[in-house]
Amino acid sequence: MVIKQISVILDNVPGALSHVSEILGREGVNIRAVSVADTSDLSTVRFVLDDPVKALNILKANGFSTKETDVLAVETPDHPGGLNAVLKPLTSAGINVHYLYPHLGRVSGQAVVILGVDRTKEAEEILKANWVKTLGQETYSI
């Protein structure tokens, strides 16, 4: 399923991520998935949130520069090699996975990953055609 991801750039200093988490939590926004990639001075933080519209407004009101991106939330078989059930069909179609990070919860007992790919809508269709269950869908097989 295609969902919204919000990214912010933070100074790479103690407490920066905690500050964002505190602001969102205080306003009742739940972080469902998070990824942090750092450099020596800055960190790029990617969030999937339970209310992305509200989160965008909160972050902007608190002076953060934000970026909204479409990503895929995909259930992944939770067994050795299970991730390849998601990756192999994308590889076969020539779709590049730019990044992947875990969702903090489970759906139907399965692990969920967030995928940033170069062709999001096409990737979603390929995964559906290959019976990979995307978050919110009813069918699952591999």
C-alpha atoms as a PDB file:
ATOM      1  CA  MET A   1       0.000   0.000   0.000  1.00  0.00           C
ATOM      2  CA  VAL A   2       1.298   3.453  -0.856  1.00  0.00           C
ATOM      3  CA  ILE A   3       1.508   5.640   2.231  1.00  0.00           C
ATOM      4  CA  LYS A   4       3.028   9.012   3.131  1.00  0.00           C
ATOM      5  CA  GLN A   5       6.462   9.360   4.659  1.00  0.00           C
ATOM      6  CA  ILE A   6       7.632  12.609   6.217  1.00  0.00           C
ATOM      7  CA  SER A   7      11.322  13.465   6.308  1.00  0.00           C
ATOM      8  CA  VAL A   8      13.093  16.134   8.332  1.00  0.00           C
ATOM      9  CA  ILE A   9      16.721  17.171   8.518  1.00  0.00           C
ATOM     10  CA  LEU A  10      18.021  17.535  12.068  1.00  0.00           C
ATOM     11  CA  ASP A  11      21.296  18.792  13.445  1.00  0.00           C
ATOM     12  CA  ASN A  12      23.299  15.771  14.528  1.00  0.00           C
ATOM     13  CA  VAL A  13      23.378  16.751  18.201  1.00  0.00           C
ATOM     14  CA  PRO A  14      22.157  15.099  21.396  1.00  0.00           C
ATOM     15  CA  GLY A  15      18.425  15.554  21.945  1.00  0.00           C
ATOM     16  CA  ALA A  16      17.417  16.606  18.414  1.00  0.00           C
ATOM     17  CA  LEU A  17      15.447  13.433  17.688  1.00  0.00           C
ATOM     18  CA  SER A  18      14.030  13.380  21.205  1.00  0.00           C
ATOM     19  CA  HIS A  19      12.744  16.927  20.684  1.00  0.00           C
ATOM     20  CA  VAL A  20      10.837  15.930  17.533  1.00  0.00           C
ATOM     21  CA  SER A  21       9.447  12.823  19.228  1.00  0.00           C
ATOM     22  CA  GLU A  22       8.317  14.914  22.197  1.00  0.00           C
ATOM     23  CA  ILE A  23       6.552  17.470  19.992  1.00  0.00           C
ATOM     24  CA  LEU A  24       4.708  14.799  18.014  1.00  0.00           C
ATOM     25  CA  GLY A  25       3.800  12.804  21.120  1.00  0.00           C
ATOM     26  CA  ARG A  26       2.525  15.852  22.970  1.00  0.00           C
ATOM     27  CA  GLU A  27       0.163  16.509  20.055  1.00  0.00           C
ATOM     28  CA  GLY A  28      -1.051  12.894  19.950  1.00  0.00           C
ATOM     29  CA  VAL A  29       0.767  11.800  16.777  1.00  0.00           C
ATOM     30  CA  ASN A  30       2.108   8.240  16.921  1.00  0.00           C
ATOM     31  CA  ILE A  31       5.333   7.274  15.154  1.00  0.00           C
ATOM     32  CA  ARG A  32       4.694   3.960  13.353  1.00  0.00           C
ATOM     33  CA  ALA A  33       8.102   3.662  11.637  1.00  0.00           C
ATOM     34  CA  VAL A  34      11.330   5.649  11.793  1.00  0.00           C
ATOM     35  CA  SER A  35      14.687   5.623  10.053  1.00  0.00           C
ATOM     36  CA  VAL A  36      17.674   7.823  10.852  1.00  0.00           C
ATOM     37  CA  ALA A  37      20.622   8.268   8.488  1.00  0.00           C
ATOM     38  CA  ASP A  38      23.392  10.499   9.743  1.00  0.00           C
ATOM     39  CA  THR A  39      26.368  12.427   8.480  1.00  0.00           C
ATOM     40  CA  SER A  40      28.834  14.218  10.707  1.00  0.00           C
ATOM     41  CA  ASP A  41      26.665  17.349  10.968  1.00  0.00           C
ATOM     42  CA  LEU A  42      23.117  16.408   9.961  1.00  0.00           C
ATOM     43  CA  SER A  43      20.685  13.522  10.202  1.00  0.00           C
ATOM     44  CA  THR A  44      17.883  12.695   7.797  1.00  0.00           C
ATOM     45  CA  VAL A  45      14.947  11.284   9.721  1.00  0.00           C
ATOM     46  CA  ARG A  46      12.175   9.483   7.863  1.00  0.00           C
ATOM     47  CA  PHE A  47       8.869   8.926   9.647  1.00  0.00           C
ATOM     48  CA  VAL A  48       5.672   7.044   8.962  1.00  0.00           C
ATOM     49  CA  LEU A  49       3.061   8.480  11.296  1.00  0.00           C
ATOM     50  CA  ASP A  50      -0.525   7.607  12.149  1.00  0.00           C
ATOM     51  CA  ASP A  51      -1.676  11.093  11.064  1.00  0.00           C
ATOM     52  CA  PRO A  52       0.744  12.510   8.461  1.00  0.00           C
ATOM     53  CA  VAL A  53      -1.337  15.630   7.722  1.00  0.00           C
ATOM     54  CA  LYS A  54      -1.439  16.607  11.396  1.00  0.00           C
ATOM     55  CA  ALA A  55       2.272  15.759  11.766  1.00  0.00           C
ATOM     56  CA  LEU A  56       3.207  17.990   8.812  1.00  0.00           C
ATOM     57  CA  ASN A  57       1.316  20.899  10.339  1.00  0.00           C
ATOM     58  CA  ILE A  58       2.916  20.352  13.743  1.00  0.00           C
ATOM     59  CA  LEU A  59       6.451  20.056  12.361  1.00  0.00           C
ATOM     60  CA  LYS A  60       6.073  23.133  10.137  1.00  0.00           C
ATOM     61  CA  ALA A  61       4.569  25.144  13.017  1.00  0.00           C
ATOM     62  CA  ASN A  62       7.659  24.247  15.072  1.00  0.00           C
ATOM     63  CA  GLY A  63      10.062  25.486  12.400  1.00  0.00           C
ATOM     64  CA  PHE A  64      11.051  22.188  10.777  1.00  0.00           C
ATOM     65  CA  SER A  65      11.549  21.932   7.054  1.00  0.00           C
ATOM     66  CA  THR A  66       9.694  18.831   5.883  1.00  0.00           C
ATOM     67  CA  LYS A  67       9.520  16.655   2.804  1.00  0.00           C
ATOM     68  CA  GLU A  68       6.591  14.354   2.026  1.00  0.00           C
ATOM     69  CA  THR A  69       7.226  11.216  -0.045  1.00  0.00           C
ATOM     70  CA  ASP A  70       5.147   8.268  -1.186  1.00  0.00           C
ATOM     71  CA  VAL A  71       6.535   4.947   0.079  1.00  0.00           C
ATOM     72  CA  LEU A  72       5.255   1.375   0.265  1.00  0.00           C
ATOM     73  CA  ALA A  73       4.229  -0.411   3.456  1.00  0.00           C
ATOM     74  CA  VAL A  74       4.509  -4.136   2.777  1.00  0.00           C
ATOM     75  CA  GLU A  75       3.934  -7.188   4.930  1.00  0.00           C
ATOM     76  CA  THR A  76       6.957  -9.450   4.805  1.00  0.00           C
ATOM     77  CA  PRO A  77       6.958 -13.170   5.523  1.00  0.00           C
ATOM     78  CA  ASP A  78       8.567 -13.596   8.934  1.00  0.00           C
ATOM     79  CA  HIS A  79      10.904 -16.505   8.256  1.00  0.00           C
ATOM     80  CA  PRO A  80      14.470 -16.877   6.954  1.00  0.00           C
ATOM     81  CA  GLY A  81      14.586 -15.509   3.413  1.00  0.00           C
ATOM     82  CA  GLY A  82      11.111 -13.964   3.733  1.00  0.00           C
ATOM     83  CA  LEU A  83      12.265 -10.498   2.753  1.00  0.00           C
ATOM     84  CA  ASN A  84      13.265 -11.844  -0.645  1.00  0.00           C
ATOM     85  CA  ALA A  85       9.563 -12.512  -1.365  1.00  0.00           C
ATOM     86  CA  VAL A  86       9.264  -8.724  -1.540  1.00  0.00           C
ATOM     87  CA  LEU A  87      12.640  -7.909  -3.086  1.00  0.00           C
ATOM     88  CA  LYS A  88      12.828 -10.534  -5.828  1.00  0.00           C
ATOM     89  CA  PRO A  89       9.773  -9.388  -7.832  1.00  0.00           C
ATOM     90  CA  LEU A  90      11.032  -5.802  -7.652  1.00  0.00           C
ATOM     91  CA  THR A  91      14.501  -6.848  -8.810  1.00  0.00           C
ATOM     92  CA  SER A  92      13.021  -8.825 -11.705  1.00  0.00           C
ATOM     93  CA  ALA A  93      11.105  -5.700 -12.797  1.00  0.00           C
ATOM     94  CA  GLY A  94      14.215  -3.510 -12.597  1.00  0.00           C
ATOM     95  CA  ILE A  95      12.845  -1.450  -9.711  1.00  0.00           C
ATOM     96  CA  ASN A  96      15.506  -0.018  -7.448  1.00  0.00           C
ATOM     97  CA  VAL A  97      14.996  -0.107  -3.680  1.00  0.00           C
ATOM     98  CA  HIS A  98      16.587   3.096  -2.384  1.00  0.00           C
ATOM     99  CA  TYR A  99      15.965   2.289   1.268  1.00  0.00           C
ATOM    100  CA  LEU A 100      14.040  -0.025   3.545  1.00  0.00           C
ATOM    101  CA  TYR A 101      13.253   0.167   7.241  1.00  0.00           C
ATOM    102  CA  PRO A 102      10.987  -1.713   9.645  1.00  0.00           C
ATOM    103  CA  HIS A 103       7.525  -0.668  10.741  1.00  0.00           C
ATOM    104  CA  LEU A 104       7.242  -0.725  14.530  1.00  0.00           C
ATOM    105  CA  GLY A 105       4.162  -2.949  14.589  1.00  0.00           C
ATOM    106  CA  ARG A 106       2.880  -6.121  12.998  1.00  0.00           C
ATOM    107  CA  VAL A 107      -0.172  -6.824  10.892  1.00  0.00           C
ATOM    108  CA  SER A 108      -1.738 -10.274  10.977  1.00  0.00           C
ATOM    109  CA  GLY A 109       1.366 -11.516  12.814  1.00  0.00           C
ATOM    110  CA  GLN A 110       3.671 -10.575   9.938  1.00  0.00           C
ATOM    111  CA  ALA A 111       6.555  -8.141   9.897  1.00  0.00           C
ATOM    112  CA  VAL A 112       5.993  -4.907   7.948  1.00  0.00           C
ATOM    113  CA  VAL A 113       8.675  -2.981   6.076  1.00  0.00           C
ATOM    114  CA  ILE A 114       8.669   0.477   4.566  1.00  0.00           C
ATOM    115  CA  LEU A 115      10.197   0.660   1.075  1.00  0.00           C
ATOM    116  CA  GLY A 116      11.416   3.727  -0.756  1.00  0.00           C
ATOM    117  CA  VAL A 117      11.694   2.772  -4.427  1.00  0.00           C
ATOM    118  CA  ASP A 118      12.303   4.568  -7.710  1.00  0.00           C
ATOM    119  CA  ARG A 119       8.868   3.714  -9.206  1.00  0.00           C
ATOM    120  CA  THR A 120       6.382   3.504  -6.355  1.00  0.00           C
ATOM    121  CA  LYS A 121       3.086   2.871  -8.187  1.00  0.00           C
ATOM    122  CA  GLU A 122       4.669   0.300 -10.509  1.00  0.00           C
ATOM    123  CA  ALA A 123       6.273  -1.442  -7.525  1.00  0.00           C
ATOM    124  CA  GLU A 124       2.905  -1.600  -5.771  1.00  0.00           C
ATOM    125  CA  GLU A 125       1.301  -3.220  -8.824  1.00  0.00           C
ATOM    126  CA  ILE A 126       4.153  -5.727  -9.167  1.00  0.00           C
ATOM    127  CA  LEU A 127       3.883  -6.739  -5.532  1.00  0.00           C
ATOM    128  CA  LYS A 128       0.110  -7.163  -5.845  1.00  0.00           C
ATOM    129  CA  ALA A 129       0.559  -9.246  -9.010  1.00  0.00           C
ATOM    130  CA  ASN A 130       3.076 -11.458  -7.198  1.00  0.00           C
ATOM    131  CA  TRP A 131       0.695 -12.013  -4.288  1.00  0.00           C
ATOM    132  CA  VAL A 132       2.828 -10.101  -1.823  1.00  0.00           C
ATOM    133  CA  LYS A 133       0.498  -8.673   0.772  1.00  0.00           C
ATOM    134  CA  THR A 134       0.709  -4.915   1.092  1.00  0.00           C
ATOM    135  CA  LEU A 135      -0.478  -3.244   4.264  1.00  0.00           C
ATOM    136  CA  GLY A 136      -4.266  -3.063   4.161  1.00  0.00           C
ATOM    137  CA  GLN A 137      -4.775  -5.755   1.493  1.00  0.00           C
ATOM    138  CA  GLU A 138      -6.545  -9.038   2.080  1.00  0.00           C
ATOM    139  CA  THR A 139      -4.504 -11.554   0.051  1.00  0.00           C
ATOM    140  CA  TYR A 140      -1.175 -13.048   0.986  1.00  0.00           C
ATOM    141  CA  SER A 141       0.902 -15.738  -0.603  1.00  0.00           C
ATOM    142  CA  ILE A 142       4.519 -16.527  -1.476  1.00  0.00           C
END
